[in-house]
Each structure stands twice: as structure tokens, then as C-alpha cells.
């Protein structure tokens, strides 16, 4: 019987190490209009921004959009999506998302999107609830390039990681 956490999706090129190929920056717009948060990050932006992250690793996309109402009252909201669950390439979504005002204005920063099927990675797929989003990005295109490269490498059984990784 296999042990806990031994599924192949968790494997990394160098056992015990995980290579982060891209750390996405959050947009300054996100601090003014972060959707779904009870308290906007602008009140404690430096603390919020230091704790929040969106990163591309060799086997998943990981993000943290903390919920915070005061610097001493913060709850991390970490989410991981493994590449075997990503069925369509990431694209920069420039309109028709729940994070665009009047369908076209990026008020919370840039948005990257993927879908349950490549044919659904568009406005109609978004309206049908078939898309998932990474929000508040400063450069969604750079995120999409890194995420798609890592996803393709993972699908081929390769890993975008150095042969030897030194932890600093």
C-alpha cells in the first residue's frame, strides 16, 4: 500500500527540493481593489504584499492571498493547483472575467486564466464557470509563459529544475 503523499504528481526532479521557476509580483492596483476580501490590502499593503505570493514550481501553481483585517489578524489562504489538473494553457485574460469592471477594465491588476478544456478558455467559458483565475498580477503574460513551460515540462515527464539545487 502506498504511503501518504507518494502520488507521482508530488515528485520533484531533486527529491526533497522544489524548484520555483517564477515568482509573480502583485500589481499595485490589487492593493486598492482586491475582490472578495473583507478588508482591502491598501490599509496594510507592505505586510500583505510581503506575505502574499503567486509562484510557479516544477509541479504546481501555488498562491497565497491572505485575509487580513489588521496586521495582527491575518489568515493565509494558500492554494495549490497541480499540473495534472490544468487542462488548458494559461492565457492572459483581458476581458470578461469576474475581476474586470464593465467586462474590460482591470481594476485589480492583470488576470491569468485557464479552463477545464482549451475550448472553454474564453469569455463564454468564464460565464459558464469553466475557467479558473490567477488575479492581481503585475505581469500576467510573464506568469503565463512560465506556467505553460512548467506545465508542458511536467506533462513530458521532465522537470524544469536545475540538476543540483543549492538552498540559500
Protein backbone atom coordinates (compact mmCIF):
# COMPACT_ATOMS: atom_id res chain seq x y z
CA UNK A 1 0.00 0.00 0.00
CA UNK A 2 1.46 3.40 -0.97
CA UNK A 3 2.37 5.84 1.76
CA UNK A 4 0.90 9.27 2.42
CA UNK A 5 1.90 11.91 -0.12
CA UNK A 6 3.59 9.48 -2.52
CA UNK A 7 1.49 10.23 -5.63
CA UNK A 8 3.68 10.91 -8.68
CA UNK A 9 2.29 14.47 -9.01
CA UNK A 10 4.25 15.39 -5.87
CA UNK A 11 7.59 14.17 -7.24
CA UNK A 12 10.26 16.74 -7.94
CA UNK A 13 13.42 16.44 -10.01
CA UNK A 14 15.58 16.58 -6.90
CA UNK A 15 13.83 14.70 -4.06
CA UNK A 16 13.48 16.88 -1.01
CA UNK A 17 13.82 20.11 -3.01
CA UNK A 18 11.33 22.08 -5.04
CA UNK A 19 12.37 24.44 -7.80
CA UNK A 20 10.44 27.71 -8.10
CA UNK A 21 10.75 28.90 -11.71
CA UNK A 22 8.70 32.10 -11.37
CA UNK A 23 7.62 34.38 -8.53
CA UNK A 24 4.89 36.68 -9.83
CA UNK A 25 4.62 40.18 -8.42
CA UNK A 26 1.23 41.53 -7.37
CA UNK A 27 0.07 44.71 -9.07
CA UNK A 28 -0.21 47.95 -7.13
CA UNK A 29 -3.83 48.03 -8.36
CA UNK A 30 -4.54 44.95 -6.25
CA UNK A 31 -3.97 46.89 -3.03
CA UNK A 32 -6.81 49.26 -3.90
CA UNK A 33 -9.37 46.75 -5.14
CA UNK A 34 -8.82 43.16 -4.03
CA UNK A 35 -12.01 41.22 -4.85
CA UNK A 36 -13.56 39.09 -2.15
CA UNK A 37 -11.55 40.43 0.78
CA UNK A 38 -13.36 41.84 3.80
CA UNK A 39 -10.61 44.42 4.25
CA UNK A 40 -8.66 45.94 1.39
CA UNK A 41 -4.88 45.34 1.46
CA UNK A 42 -4.17 49.07 0.96
CA UNK A 43 -4.54 49.55 4.71
CA UNK A 44 -1.55 47.29 5.42
CA UNK A 45 -0.08 46.83 1.93
CA UNK A 46 3.55 46.24 2.90
CA UNK A 47 2.62 43.49 5.35
CA UNK A 48 0.08 41.99 2.96
CA UNK A 49 2.37 42.09 -0.09
CA UNK A 50 5.27 40.52 1.84
CA UNK A 51 3.05 37.58 2.82
CA UNK A 52 1.12 37.13 -0.46
CA UNK A 53 2.63 35.15 -3.33
CA UNK A 54 1.93 33.55 -6.67
CA UNK A 55 4.61 31.11 -7.74
CA UNK A 56 5.22 28.61 -10.49
CA UNK A 57 7.03 25.48 -9.36
CA UNK A 58 8.08 22.41 -11.27
CA UNK A 59 4.89 20.52 -10.38
CA UNK A 60 2.22 23.11 -9.46
CA UNK A 61 0.96 26.68 -9.25
CA UNK A 62 0.83 27.92 -5.67
CA UNK A 63 -0.71 31.14 -4.41
CA UNK A 64 -1.43 32.89 -1.14
CA UNK A 65 -3.94 35.71 -0.95
CA UNK A 66 -4.16 36.28 2.82
CA UNK A 67 -7.31 37.52 4.51
CA UNK A 68 -6.34 40.39 6.77
CA UNK A 69 -8.22 42.99 8.77
CA UNK A 70 -5.25 44.19 10.83
CA UNK A 71 -1.54 43.33 10.78
CA UNK A 72 -2.05 41.09 13.81
CA UNK A 73 -5.15 39.38 12.33
CA UNK A 74 -4.06 37.59 9.19
CA UNK A 75 -5.09 34.20 7.83
CA UNK A 76 -3.18 32.67 4.93
CA UNK A 77 -5.31 31.38 2.08
CA UNK A 78 -2.83 29.12 0.29
CA UNK A 79 -4.00 27.33 -2.83
CA UNK A 80 -2.12 24.75 -4.90
CA UNK A 81 -3.09 23.52 -8.34
CA UNK A 82 -1.09 20.57 -9.65
CA UNK A 83 -0.45 20.44 -13.39
CA UNK A 84 -2.38 17.20 -13.87
CA UNK A 85 -5.50 19.26 -13.04
CA UNK A 86 -4.67 22.06 -15.51
CA UNK A 87 -6.27 21.01 -18.82
CA UNK A 88 -5.74 24.20 -20.87
CA UNK A 89 -2.75 26.53 -21.21
CA UNK A 90 -2.77 29.71 -19.15
CA UNK A 91 -3.69 32.85 -21.09
CA UNK A 92 -3.76 36.49 -20.12
CA UNK A 93 -7.45 37.31 -19.70
CA UNK A 94 -8.02 40.88 -20.85
CA UNK A 95 -11.82 40.96 -20.55
CA UNK A 96 -14.98 39.13 -19.46
CA UNK A 97 -13.83 37.86 -16.07
CA UNK A 98 -15.37 38.48 -12.65
CA UNK A 99 -12.29 40.64 -11.98
CA UNK A 100 -12.88 43.15 -14.81
CA UNK A 101 -15.20 46.09 -14.22
CA UNK A 102 -17.64 46.53 -17.11
CA UNK A 103 -16.03 43.40 -18.64
CA UNK A 104 -12.88 45.27 -19.78
CA UNK A 105 -11.32 47.40 -17.01
CA UNK A 106 -8.58 45.71 -14.98
CA UNK A 107 -9.20 47.24 -11.57
CA UNK A 108 -7.38 44.57 -9.54
CA UNK A 109 -4.32 44.08 -11.73
CA UNK A 110 -3.84 41.68 -14.60
CA UNK A 111 -5.54 38.29 -14.75
CA UNK A 112 -4.31 34.90 -15.99
CA UNK A 113 -6.86 32.20 -16.79
CA UNK A 114 -7.03 28.50 -17.56
CA UNK A 115 -10.02 26.23 -18.12
CA UNK A 116 -11.28 22.68 -17.81
CA UNK A 117 -10.85 22.36 -21.60
CA UNK A 118 -8.93 24.56 -24.08
CA UNK A 119 -12.18 25.39 -25.91
CA UNK A 120 -13.57 26.91 -22.69
CA UNK A 121 -10.69 29.32 -22.05
CA UNK A 122 -12.65 32.35 -23.31
CA UNK A 123 -15.44 34.71 -22.26
CA UNK A 124 -18.18 32.12 -22.72
CA UNK A 125 -16.25 29.54 -20.70
CA UNK A 126 -15.89 32.13 -17.96
CA UNK A 127 -19.63 32.79 -17.89
CA UNK A 128 -20.27 29.03 -17.68
CA UNK A 129 -17.89 28.70 -14.72
CA UNK A 130 -15.35 26.62 -16.63
CA UNK A 131 -12.38 28.94 -16.04
CA UNK A 132 -10.13 29.45 -13.05
CA UNK A 133 -8.13 32.61 -12.47
CA UNK A 134 -4.91 33.93 -11.00
CA UNK A 135 -5.64 37.55 -10.15
CA UNK A 136 -3.84 40.75 -9.19
CA UNK A 137 -0.73 40.16 -11.29
CA UNK A 138 1.67 42.87 -12.34
CA UNK A 139 2.68 40.91 -15.47
CA UNK A 140 0.18 38.17 -16.37
CA UNK A 141 1.92 37.39 -19.66
CA UNK A 142 5.22 36.52 -17.92
CA UNK A 143 3.29 34.34 -15.47
CA UNK A 144 1.51 32.55 -18.35
CA UNK A 145 4.79 31.86 -20.18
CA UNK A 146 6.42 30.42 -17.03
CA UNK A 147 3.33 28.39 -16.02
CA UNK A 148 2.86 26.94 -19.50
CA UNK A 149 6.54 25.99 -19.80
CA UNK A 150 6.45 24.24 -16.42
CA UNK A 151 3.14 22.53 -17.24
CA UNK A 152 4.46 21.23 -20.58
CA UNK A 153 7.69 20.04 -18.97
CA UNK A 154 5.69 18.21 -16.31
CA UNK A 155 3.44 16.58 -18.94
CA UNK A 156 6.52 15.26 -20.77
CA UNK A 157 7.86 13.75 -17.55
CA UNK A 158 10.64 16.31 -17.38
CA UNK A 159 11.00 18.92 -14.69
CA UNK A 160 12.14 22.50 -15.16
CA UNK A 161 14.73 22.43 -12.39
CA UNK A 162 18.49 22.52 -12.15
CA UNK A 163 20.21 19.17 -11.74
CA UNK A 164 21.64 20.24 -8.40
CA UNK A 165 19.83 22.80 -6.31
CA UNK A 166 21.52 24.74 -3.55
CA UNK A 167 19.33 26.13 -0.80
CA UNK A 168 20.49 29.51 0.49
